[in-house]
Amino acid sequence: MEIRRAETADLEQIMGIYQYAREFMRQTGNPGQWGENFPPRELIEEDIRVRQCYVCAEGEEIQGVFAFILGEDPTYAVIEDGAWLNEEPYGTIHRIASAEGAKGVFAGCITYCKGIIDNLRIDTHRDNKVMQHVIEKAGFQKCGIIHVADGSERLAYQFSLENRTNV
């Protein structure tokens, strides 16, 4: 699986993956995290423009998509019911989604991101049991609760090479 920066030509495939992901979340007991419209097309267009949108591809077929952002994330400035493992520079993974039937997207994403920086943060909705499982399986530690822009809470996780326990 190749991981590369997304291009404008990838947009329709990417939006189709997000549509599938929203339906999958509804079917697995997580209807509220992305609702009917998240992420909006304009956000993905901006992610592509600023070169923080990545795709996992097999040939011409996109199997997954994620945003990877280096630097401080304002969403993570305040953490409740816990603490970050450290305050070292980090990368954040947002909006990760897989195409129907795709395998290995999360693992590929994490391996790619760890190859750039060994201190990563990610969050997910309390109802997203599938994502919680793969995040913890990848060696992330639950650190507390953060709130996203609309005020809703998310479970916050961090992977730090210096703090790893089960990788």
C-alpha atoms as a PDB file:
ATOM      1  CA  MET A   1       0.000   0.000   0.000  1.00  0.00           C
ATOM      2  CA  GLU A   2       1.370   3.363  -1.044  1.00  0.00           C
ATOM      3  CA  ILE A   3       0.767   6.402   1.140  1.00  0.00           C
ATOM      4  CA  ARG A   4       0.957   9.732  -0.628  1.00  0.00           C
ATOM      5  CA  ARG A   5      -0.380  13.241  -0.367  1.00  0.00           C
ATOM      6  CA  ALA A   6      -3.860  13.555  -1.807  1.00  0.00           C
ATOM      7  CA  GLU A   7      -4.424  15.479  -5.000  1.00  0.00           C
ATOM      8  CA  THR A   8      -7.489  17.337  -6.223  1.00  0.00           C
ATOM      9  CA  ALA A   9      -8.108  14.502  -8.694  1.00  0.00           C
ATOM     10  CA  ASP A  10      -8.606  12.160  -5.693  1.00  0.00           C
ATOM     11  CA  LEU A  11     -11.454  14.201  -4.217  1.00  0.00           C
ATOM     12  CA  GLU A  12     -14.403  12.161  -5.502  1.00  0.00           C
ATOM     13  CA  GLN A  13     -12.906   8.868  -4.282  1.00  0.00           C
ATOM     14  CA  ILE A  14     -12.093  10.476  -0.928  1.00  0.00           C
ATOM     15  CA  MET A  15     -15.631  11.792  -0.476  1.00  0.00           C
ATOM     16  CA  GLY A  16     -17.002   8.351  -1.331  1.00  0.00           C
ATOM     17  CA  ILE A  17     -14.810   6.817   1.377  1.00  0.00           C
ATOM     18  CA  TYR A  18     -16.099   9.316   3.921  1.00  0.00           C
ATOM     19  CA  GLN A  19     -19.696   8.542   2.918  1.00  0.00           C
ATOM     20  CA  TYR A  20     -19.035   4.839   3.462  1.00  0.00           C
ATOM     21  CA  ALA A  21     -17.334   5.587   6.806  1.00  0.00           C
ATOM     22  CA  ARG A  22     -20.335   7.583   8.057  1.00  0.00           C
ATOM     23  CA  GLU A  23     -22.644   4.692   7.182  1.00  0.00           C
ATOM     24  CA  PHE A  24     -20.292   2.172   8.836  1.00  0.00           C
ATOM     25  CA  MET A  25     -20.223   4.267  12.007  1.00  0.00           C
ATOM     26  CA  ARG A  26     -24.020   4.410  12.094  1.00  0.00           C
ATOM     27  CA  GLN A  27     -24.234   0.630  11.673  1.00  0.00           C
ATOM     28  CA  THR A  28     -21.720   0.010  14.464  1.00  0.00           C
ATOM     29  CA  GLY A  29     -23.422   2.161  17.102  1.00  0.00           C
ATOM     30  CA  ASN A  30     -21.703   5.473  16.464  1.00  0.00           C
ATOM     31  CA  PRO A  31     -24.213   7.687  14.610  1.00  0.00           C
ATOM     32  CA  GLY A  32     -23.175  10.974  16.232  1.00  0.00           C
ATOM     33  CA  GLN A  33     -19.445  11.325  15.600  1.00  0.00           C
ATOM     34  CA  TRP A  34     -19.619  12.448  11.961  1.00  0.00           C
ATOM     35  CA  GLY A  35     -23.380  12.736  11.533  1.00  0.00           C
ATOM     36  CA  GLU A  36     -24.581  13.170   7.951  1.00  0.00           C
ATOM     37  CA  ASN A  37     -22.050  15.665   6.599  1.00  0.00           C
ATOM     38  CA  PHE A  38     -18.674  15.421   8.288  1.00  0.00           C
ATOM     39  CA  PRO A  39     -16.115  15.969   7.058  1.00  0.00           C
ATOM     40  CA  PRO A  40     -17.480  18.574   4.646  1.00  0.00           C
ATOM     41  CA  ARG A  41     -16.067  18.742   1.128  1.00  0.00           C
ATOM     42  CA  GLU A  42     -14.657  22.226   1.789  1.00  0.00           C
ATOM     43  CA  LEU A  43     -12.555  20.910   4.692  1.00  0.00           C
ATOM     44  CA  ILE A  44     -11.111  18.116   2.557  1.00  0.00           C
ATOM     45  CA  GLU A  45     -10.399  20.569  -0.260  1.00  0.00           C
ATOM     46  CA  GLU A  46      -8.526  22.730   2.261  1.00  0.00           C
ATOM     47  CA  ASP A  47      -6.648  19.694   3.636  1.00  0.00           C
ATOM     48  CA  ILE A  48      -5.536  18.896   0.081  1.00  0.00           C
ATOM     49  CA  ARG A  49      -4.597  22.524  -0.619  1.00  0.00           C
ATOM     50  CA  VAL A  50      -2.394  22.786   2.499  1.00  0.00           C
ATOM     51  CA  ARG A  51      -0.937  19.312   1.851  1.00  0.00           C
ATOM     52  CA  GLN A  52      -2.135  17.619   5.030  1.00  0.00           C
ATOM     53  CA  CYS A  53      -4.513  15.123   3.387  1.00  0.00           C
ATOM     54  CA  TYR A  54      -3.035  11.700   2.649  1.00  0.00           C
ATOM     55  CA  VAL A  55      -4.380   8.672   0.839  1.00  0.00           C
ATOM     56  CA  CYS A  56      -3.547   4.992   1.115  1.00  0.00           C
ATOM     57  CA  ALA A  57      -3.639   3.625  -2.421  1.00  0.00           C
ATOM     58  CA  GLU A  58      -3.367   0.318  -4.223  1.00  0.00           C
ATOM     59  CA  GLY A  59      -2.647   1.363  -7.794  1.00  0.00           C
ATOM     60  CA  GLU A  60      -5.360   3.800  -8.850  1.00  0.00           C
ATOM     61  CA  GLU A  61      -7.760   2.728  -6.087  1.00  0.00           C
ATOM     62  CA  ILE A  62      -7.766   4.739  -2.886  1.00  0.00           C
ATOM     63  CA  GLN A  63      -8.244   2.425   0.091  1.00  0.00           C
ATOM     64  CA  GLY A  64      -8.116   5.026   2.848  1.00  0.00           C
ATOM     65  CA  VAL A  65      -7.684   8.661   3.716  1.00  0.00           C
ATOM     66  CA  PHE A  66      -6.457  10.673   6.696  1.00  0.00           C
ATOM     67  CA  ALA A  67      -5.252  14.115   7.696  1.00  0.00           C
ATOM     68  CA  PHE A  68      -1.801  14.307   9.271  1.00  0.00           C
ATOM     69  CA  ILE A  69      -0.844  17.586  10.874  1.00  0.00           C
ATOM     70  CA  LEU A  70       2.506  18.402  12.448  1.00  0.00           C
ATOM     71  CA  GLY A  71       2.556  20.954  15.236  1.00  0.00           C
ATOM     72  CA  GLU A  72       0.268  22.005  18.028  1.00  0.00           C
ATOM     73  CA  ASP A  73      -3.407  21.247  17.614  1.00  0.00           C
ATOM     74  CA  PRO A  74      -5.643  23.806  19.381  1.00  0.00           C
ATOM     75  CA  THR A  75      -8.180  21.044  20.059  1.00  0.00           C
ATOM     76  CA  TYR A  76      -5.592  19.389  22.323  1.00  0.00           C
ATOM     77  CA  ALA A  77      -4.663  22.480  24.328  1.00  0.00           C
ATOM     78  CA  VAL A  78      -6.964  21.465  27.191  1.00  0.00           C
ATOM     79  CA  ILE A  79      -7.256  17.873  28.357  1.00  0.00           C
ATOM     80  CA  GLU A  80      -9.549  16.769  31.173  1.00  0.00           C
ATOM     81  CA  ASP A  81      -9.594  13.662  33.364  1.00  0.00           C
ATOM     82  CA  GLY A  82      -5.948  12.925  32.615  1.00  0.00           C
ATOM     83  CA  ALA A  83      -2.818  14.358  31.031  1.00  0.00           C
ATOM     84  CA  TRP A  84      -0.754  14.016  27.886  1.00  0.00           C
ATOM     85  CA  LEU A  85       2.236  11.688  28.135  1.00  0.00           C
ATOM     86  CA  ASN A  86       4.541  14.609  27.293  1.00  0.00           C
ATOM     87  CA  GLU A  87       4.539  18.062  25.743  1.00  0.00           C
ATOM     88  CA  GLU A  88       7.137  17.299  23.079  1.00  0.00           C
ATOM     89  CA  PRO A  89       6.422  18.215  19.437  1.00  0.00           C
ATOM     90  CA  TYR A  90       3.806  15.887  17.964  1.00  0.00           C
ATOM     91  CA  GLY A  91       1.786  14.999  14.913  1.00  0.00           C
ATOM     92  CA  THR A  92      -1.987  14.624  14.940  1.00  0.00           C
ATOM     93  CA  ILE A  93      -4.024  12.151  12.936  1.00  0.00           C
ATOM     94  CA  HIS A  94      -7.547  13.276  12.070  1.00  0.00           C
ATOM     95  CA  ARG A  95     -10.372  12.121   9.797  1.00  0.00           C
ATOM     96  CA  ILE A  96      -9.046   8.626   9.128  1.00  0.00           C
ATOM     97  CA  ALA A  97     -11.387   6.430   7.085  1.00  0.00           C
ATOM     98  CA  SER A  98     -11.211   3.233   5.027  1.00  0.00           C
ATOM     99  CA  ALA A  99     -12.968   2.203   1.840  1.00  0.00           C
ATOM    100  CA  GLU A 100     -15.405  -0.693   2.026  1.00  0.00           C
ATOM    101  CA  GLY A 101     -13.454  -3.947   2.274  1.00  0.00           C
ATOM    102  CA  ALA A 102     -10.083  -2.224   2.686  1.00  0.00           C
ATOM    103  CA  LYS A 103      -7.610  -3.871   5.048  1.00  0.00           C
ATOM    104  CA  GLY A 104      -4.558  -2.422   6.769  1.00  0.00           C
ATOM    105  CA  VAL A 105      -5.355   1.268   6.306  1.00  0.00           C
ATOM    106  CA  PHE A 106      -5.040   2.204   9.981  1.00  0.00           C
ATOM    107  CA  ALA A 107      -1.828   0.187  10.403  1.00  0.00           C
ATOM    108  CA  GLY A 108      -0.359   1.723   7.251  1.00  0.00           C
ATOM    109  CA  CYS A 109      -1.289   5.219   8.377  1.00  0.00           C
ATOM    110  CA  ILE A 110       0.266   4.743  11.808  1.00  0.00           C
ATOM    111  CA  THR A 111       3.461   3.231  10.393  1.00  0.00           C
ATOM    112  CA  TYR A 112       3.761   6.139   7.956  1.00  0.00           C
ATOM    113  CA  CYS A 113       3.180   8.780  10.646  1.00  0.00           C
ATOM    114  CA  LYS A 114       5.562   7.106  13.125  1.00  0.00           C
ATOM    115  CA  GLY A 115       8.186   7.259  10.373  1.00  0.00           C
ATOM    116  CA  ILE A 116       7.902  11.043  10.397  1.00  0.00           C
ATOM    117  CA  ILE A 117       7.579  11.715  14.131  1.00  0.00           C
ATOM    118  CA  ASP A 118       7.483   9.283  17.038  1.00  0.00           C
ATOM    119  CA  ASN A 119       5.083  11.336  19.136  1.00  0.00           C
ATOM    120  CA  LEU A 120       1.480  11.141  17.872  1.00  0.00           C
ATOM    121  CA  ARG A 121      -1.952  12.164  19.113  1.00  0.00           C
ATOM    122  CA  ILE A 122      -5.382  11.025  17.975  1.00  0.00           C
ATOM    123  CA  ASP A 123      -8.926  11.180  19.331  1.00  0.00           C
ATOM    124  CA  THR A 124     -12.226   9.453  18.778  1.00  0.00           C
ATOM    125  CA  HIS A 125     -15.813   9.479  19.931  1.00  0.00           C
ATOM    126  CA  ARG A 126     -16.790   7.477  23.006  1.00  0.00           C
ATOM    127  CA  ASP A 127     -19.226   5.458  20.850  1.00  0.00           C
ATOM    128  CA  ASN A 128     -16.566   4.555  18.270  1.00  0.00           C
ATOM    129  CA  LYS A 129     -15.584   1.208  19.780  1.00  0.00           C
ATOM    130  CA  VAL A 130     -13.975   0.007  16.538  1.00  0.00           C
ATOM    131  CA  MET A 131     -11.585   2.973  16.456  1.00  0.00           C
ATOM    132  CA  GLN A 132     -10.828   2.751  20.167  1.00  0.00           C
ATOM    133  CA  HIS A 133      -9.791  -0.867  19.665  1.00  0.00           C
ATOM    134  CA  VAL A 134      -7.430  -0.193  16.740  1.00  0.00           C
ATOM    135  CA  ILE A 135      -5.944   2.882  18.431  1.00  0.00           C
ATOM    136  CA  GLU A 136      -5.119   0.929  21.578  1.00  0.00           C
ATOM    137  CA  LYS A 137      -3.877  -2.058  19.563  1.00  0.00           C
ATOM    138  CA  ALA A 138      -1.435   0.310  17.800  1.00  0.00           C
ATOM    139  CA  GLY A 139       0.184   1.201  21.127  1.00  0.00           C
ATOM    140  CA  PHE A 140      -1.571   4.470  21.909  1.00  0.00           C
ATOM    141  CA  GLN A 141      -2.394   5.209  25.533  1.00  0.00           C
ATOM    142  CA  LYS A 142      -5.659   6.817  26.588  1.00  0.00           C
ATOM    143  CA  CYS A 143      -4.774  10.159  28.137  1.00  0.00           C
ATOM    144  CA  GLY A 144      -8.086  11.863  28.918  1.00  0.00           C
ATOM    145  CA  ILE A 145     -10.901  13.804  27.302  1.00  0.00           C
ATOM    146  CA  ILE A 146     -10.707  16.731  24.901  1.00  0.00           C
ATOM    147  CA  HIS A 147     -13.459  18.788  23.293  1.00  0.00           C
ATOM    148  CA  VAL A 148     -13.697  19.454  19.568  1.00  0.00           C
ATOM    149  CA  ALA A 149     -14.835  22.714  17.964  1.00  0.00           C
ATOM    150  CA  ASP A 150     -18.558  21.997  18.436  1.00  0.00           C
ATOM    151  CA  GLY A 151     -17.986  21.326  22.145  1.00  0.00           C
ATOM    152  CA  SER A 152     -18.524  17.563  22.034  1.00  0.00           C
ATOM    153  CA  GLU A 153     -16.099  15.359  23.889  1.00  0.00           C
ATOM    154  CA  ARG A 154     -13.608  12.908  22.458  1.00  0.00           C
ATOM    155  CA  LEU A 155     -11.369  10.300  24.026  1.00  0.00           C
ATOM    156  CA  ALA A 156      -7.790  11.477  23.546  1.00  0.00           C
ATOM    157  CA  TYR A 157      -4.843   9.165  22.961  1.00  0.00           C
ATOM    158  CA  GLN A 158      -1.115   9.576  22.536  1.00  0.00           C
ATOM    159  CA  PHE A 159       1.684   7.388  21.239  1.00  0.00           C
ATOM    160  CA  SER A 160       5.168   8.274  22.303  1.00  0.00           C
ATOM    161  CA  LEU A 161       8.127   6.050  21.527  1.00  0.00           C
ATOM    162  CA  GLU A 162       9.628   6.929  24.907  1.00  0.00           C
ATOM    163  CA  ASN A 163       6.408   5.900  26.743  1.00  0.00           C
ATOM    164  CA  ARG A 164       5.389   2.848  24.731  1.00  0.00           C
ATOM    165  CA  THR A 165       4.301  -0.160  26.725  1.00  0.00           C
ATOM    166  CA  ASN A 166       2.552  -2.584  24.391  1.00  0.00           C
ATOM    167  CA  VAL A 167       3.898  -2.076  20.895  1.00  0.00           C
END
